[in-house]
Amino acid sequence: MRTKICGITRLQDARVAVEAGADAIGLVFYPPSPRDISENLSLAAEITREVGPFVTVVGLVVNPDAEHLNRILGKVPLHTLQFHGDETEAFCLQFNRSYIKAVRMKQGINVNQQIAAYPSASGILLDAYKKGTPGGTGESFDWGRVPLNAKKPIVLAGGLNPGNVTTAVRITEAYAVDVSGGVEQSPGVKSASKVRAFVEHAVMEN
């Protein structure tokens, strides 16, 4: 089981995630988020360099302006992009990065159709749906809606924490799990003990 700790805003939290065994960390470039780091690109670049060669750094964006995102990429050597808005496949492809497309699990949505709409995506992230909120809701959804044997790696997000991640992994058989608020002591500030517990509990089902 692969783990991603998202919403990193401090260098020490990135170090904690790496030391805990996380496979990836996420940096949020979305000003409405309390975890936004877009006003401090020098810190984002430092965090990206700090994690070392075997941890993936993912940049989370929501309907970004292409020129603005290219400016970010010119300063922060992100490995992967995670699109949380209404971006088309053609838009996602233009940045010469692997990418993950987030799908909010609105009632009636067909995950397999979403997978088919983004054949170039490295994976599909499934997150809880909350009107007007593109992610980071802290809410979960019915894990029984996650398709088994999907044609793309499924990243499970939404309301995960150290107490429920083992069950989530068992039910969904997801490729990876993604957490943000579930391992925080306050928005944007991670709890080292929760990060360690999350990674430990996520891999218990392996």
Protein backbone atom coordinates (compact mmCIF):
# COMPACT_ATOMS: atom_id res chain seq x y z
CA MET A 1 0.00 0.00 0.00
CA ARG A 2 1.32 3.40 -0.99
CA THR A 3 0.71 6.50 1.12
CA LYS A 4 0.63 10.21 0.39
CA ILE A 5 0.67 12.94 3.02
CA CYS A 6 -0.94 15.99 1.44
CA GLY A 7 -1.11 19.64 2.45
CA ILE A 8 2.50 19.94 3.60
CA THR A 9 3.34 23.54 4.52
CA ARG A 10 6.42 23.08 6.72
CA LEU A 11 9.82 21.56 6.07
CA GLN A 12 9.72 19.62 9.34
CA ASP A 13 6.42 18.00 8.35
CA ALA A 14 7.91 16.85 5.05
CA ARG A 15 10.77 15.27 6.99
CA VAL A 16 8.34 13.53 9.33
CA ALA A 17 6.40 12.11 6.38
CA VAL A 18 9.54 10.78 4.73
CA GLU A 19 10.87 9.29 7.95
CA ALA A 20 7.49 7.63 8.55
CA GLY A 21 7.78 5.89 5.19
CA ALA A 22 5.34 7.90 3.07
CA ASP A 23 5.72 7.31 -0.66
CA ALA A 24 4.61 10.81 -1.62
CA ILE A 25 3.87 14.23 -0.20
CA GLY A 26 1.48 16.83 -1.56
CA LEU A 27 1.87 20.58 -1.89
CA VAL A 28 -1.31 22.62 -2.40
CA PHE A 29 -1.28 25.48 -4.90
CA TYR A 30 -4.83 26.73 -4.36
CA PRO A 31 -5.22 30.03 -2.45
CA PRO A 32 -8.64 29.28 -0.85
CA SER A 33 -7.12 26.29 0.95
CA PRO A 34 -5.69 26.75 4.47
CA ARG A 35 -2.84 24.55 3.25
CA ASP A 36 -1.98 26.73 0.26
CA ILE A 37 1.73 27.20 -0.37
CA SER A 38 1.57 29.16 -3.62
CA GLU A 39 2.69 32.40 -1.97
CA ASN A 40 5.90 30.77 -0.78
CA LEU A 41 7.41 29.04 -3.79
CA SER A 42 10.91 29.16 -2.31
CA LEU A 43 9.70 27.04 0.61
CA ALA A 44 7.88 24.71 -1.79
CA ALA A 45 11.10 24.27 -3.75
CA GLU A 46 13.08 23.64 -0.57
CA ILE A 47 10.59 20.99 0.56
CA THR A 48 10.76 19.33 -2.86
CA ARG A 49 14.55 19.15 -2.71
CA GLU A 50 14.52 17.96 0.90
CA VAL A 51 12.52 14.77 0.42
CA GLY A 52 15.15 13.00 -1.65
CA PRO A 53 15.01 11.02 -4.89
CA PHE A 54 12.63 8.24 -3.87
CA VAL A 55 9.67 10.26 -2.57
CA THR A 56 7.25 11.72 -5.11
CA VAL A 57 6.25 15.37 -4.69
CA VAL A 58 2.75 16.05 -5.99
CA GLY A 59 1.40 19.51 -6.74
CA LEU A 60 -2.35 19.89 -6.17
CA VAL A 61 -4.11 22.48 -8.34
CA VAL A 62 -7.71 23.44 -9.09
CA ASN A 63 -8.57 24.79 -12.54
CA PRO A 64 -5.22 26.59 -12.75
CA ASP A 65 -4.26 29.17 -15.32
CA ALA A 66 -1.75 27.40 -17.57
CA GLU A 67 0.72 30.29 -17.56
CA HIS A 68 0.61 30.55 -13.78
CA LEU A 69 1.13 26.81 -13.36
CA ASN A 70 4.10 26.92 -15.72
CA ARG A 71 5.60 29.68 -13.57
CA ILE A 72 5.21 27.45 -10.51
CA LEU A 73 6.83 24.54 -12.33
CA GLY A 74 9.70 26.80 -13.32
CA LYS A 75 10.47 27.38 -9.64
CA VAL A 76 9.31 24.17 -7.95
CA PRO A 77 10.52 20.86 -9.48
CA LEU A 78 7.29 18.95 -8.88
CA HIS A 79 7.25 15.33 -10.02
CA THR A 80 3.51 14.88 -10.51
CA LEU A 81 0.44 17.11 -10.80
CA GLN A 82 -2.93 16.42 -9.21
CA PHE A 83 -5.86 18.17 -10.89
CA HIS A 84 -8.92 18.75 -8.71
CA GLY A 85 -11.08 20.87 -10.99
CA ASP A 86 -12.80 20.50 -14.34
CA GLU A 87 -9.58 20.21 -16.34
CA THR A 88 -9.74 18.28 -19.60
CA GLU A 89 -7.27 15.58 -20.51
CA ALA A 90 -5.73 17.89 -23.13
CA PHE A 91 -5.18 20.55 -20.47
CA CYS A 92 -3.60 18.09 -18.04
CA LEU A 93 -1.20 16.81 -20.69
CA GLN A 94 0.43 20.12 -21.58
CA PHE A 95 2.76 20.40 -18.58
CA ASN A 96 5.07 17.47 -19.31
CA ARG A 97 4.42 15.87 -15.93
CA SER A 98 2.67 12.69 -14.95
CA TYR A 99 -0.69 13.55 -13.48
CA ILE A 100 -3.50 12.28 -11.29
CA LYS A 101 -7.09 13.33 -11.97
CA ALA A 102 -9.31 13.78 -8.94
CA VAL A 103 -12.94 12.69 -9.11
CA ARG A 104 -15.38 13.91 -6.48
CA MET A 105 -17.78 11.11 -5.67
CA LYS A 106 -21.02 12.92 -6.37
CA GLN A 107 -24.10 10.71 -6.29
CA GLY A 108 -24.51 8.87 -9.58
CA ILE A 109 -21.01 9.46 -10.90
CA ASN A 110 -19.55 6.60 -12.94
CA VAL A 111 -15.93 6.07 -11.95
CA ASN A 112 -15.14 3.85 -14.90
CA GLN A 113 -16.38 6.55 -17.29
CA GLN A 114 -14.11 9.05 -15.57
CA ILE A 115 -11.18 6.67 -15.94
CA ALA A 116 -11.94 6.30 -19.64
CA ALA A 117 -12.02 10.09 -20.06
CA TYR A 118 -8.42 10.42 -18.86
CA PRO A 119 -6.49 7.57 -20.52
CA SER A 120 -3.19 9.41 -20.08
CA ALA A 121 -3.59 9.83 -16.30
CA SER A 122 -1.22 7.94 -14.03
CA GLY A 123 -4.08 7.37 -11.62
CA ILE A 124 -7.53 8.49 -10.53
CA LEU A 125 -8.07 9.95 -7.07
CA LEU A 126 -11.50 9.45 -5.53
CA ASP A 127 -12.55 12.07 -2.99
CA ALA A 128 -15.74 12.91 -1.12
CA TYR A 129 -18.14 15.32 -2.80
CA LYS A 130 -19.08 18.54 -1.05
CA LYS A 131 -20.68 21.30 -3.10
CA GLY A 132 -18.31 24.20 -3.70
CA THR A 133 -15.33 22.43 -2.15
CA PRO A 134 -12.86 20.77 -4.55
CA GLY A 135 -11.10 18.70 -1.90
CA GLY A 136 -9.85 18.64 1.65
CA THR A 137 -13.36 18.31 3.04
CA GLY A 138 -12.39 15.93 5.83
CA GLU A 139 -15.42 13.84 4.88
CA SER A 140 -15.47 10.28 3.60
CA PHE A 141 -17.78 8.56 1.12
CA ASP A 142 -19.16 5.05 0.74
CA TRP A 143 -16.05 2.98 0.03
CA GLY A 144 -18.24 0.30 -1.51
CA ARG A 145 -18.55 2.60 -4.53
CA VAL A 146 -14.87 2.18 -5.39
CA PRO A 147 -14.63 -0.17 -8.38
CA LEU A 148 -12.49 -3.24 -7.86
CA ASN A 149 -10.08 -4.17 -10.65
CA ALA A 150 -10.23 -0.68 -12.15
CA LYS A 151 -8.19 -0.04 -15.28
CA LYS A 152 -6.23 2.73 -13.56
CA PRO A 153 -4.58 2.87 -10.14
CA ILE A 154 -7.11 4.21 -7.64
CA VAL A 155 -5.97 6.68 -4.99
CA LEU A 156 -8.43 6.83 -2.10
CA ALA A 157 -8.94 10.15 -0.32
CA GLY A 158 -11.57 11.83 1.80
CA GLY A 159 -11.90 11.63 5.56
CA LEU A 160 -9.09 9.15 6.08
CA ASN A 161 -7.23 9.02 9.39
CA PRO A 162 -5.13 6.54 11.40
CA GLY A 163 -8.28 4.99 12.86
CA ASN A 164 -10.06 4.09 9.63
CA VAL A 165 -7.37 3.67 6.99
CA THR A 166 -6.84 -0.06 7.57
CA THR A 167 -10.54 -0.73 6.99
CA ALA A 168 -10.57 1.56 3.95
CA VAL A 169 -7.66 -0.32 2.39
CA ARG A 170 -9.30 -3.67 3.04
CA ILE A 171 -12.63 -2.66 1.49
CA THR A 172 -11.37 -0.76 -1.56
CA GLU A 173 -8.12 -2.56 -2.42
CA ALA A 174 -6.94 0.87 -3.57
CA TYR A 175 -3.51 1.43 -5.06
CA ALA A 176 -2.78 4.24 -2.60
CA VAL A 177 -4.30 6.32 0.19
CA ASP A 178 -4.09 10.09 0.50
CA VAL A 179 -4.52 12.01 3.75
CA SER A 180 -4.37 15.64 4.78
CA GLY A 181 -6.60 16.81 7.63
CA GLY A 182 -6.68 13.37 9.23
CA VAL A 183 -3.05 13.71 10.35
CA GLU A 184 -3.09 17.36 11.43
CA GLN A 185 -3.02 19.14 14.76
CA SER A 186 -4.32 22.29 13.01
CA PRO A 187 -4.90 23.16 9.32
CA GLY A 188 -1.56 22.93 7.54
CA VAL A 189 0.32 21.71 10.61
CA LYS A 190 0.89 17.97 10.77
CA SER A 191 0.98 15.82 13.89
CA ALA A 192 4.09 13.63 13.78
CA SER A 193 2.43 10.87 15.79
CA LYS A 194 -0.63 10.83 13.52
CA VAL A 195 1.50 10.76 10.37
CA ARG A 196 3.47 7.79 11.69
CA ALA A 197 0.31 5.98 12.79
CA PHE A 198 -1.39 6.58 9.45
CA VAL A 199 1.46 5.12 7.42
CA GLU A 200 1.79 2.18 9.80
CA HIS A 201 -1.93 1.38 9.72
CA ALA A 202 -2.17 1.82 5.94
CA VAL A 203 0.41 -0.86 5.29
CA MET A 204 -1.04 -3.32 7.83
CA GLU A 205 -3.23 -4.86 5.11
CA ASN A 206 -0.27 -5.58 2.82
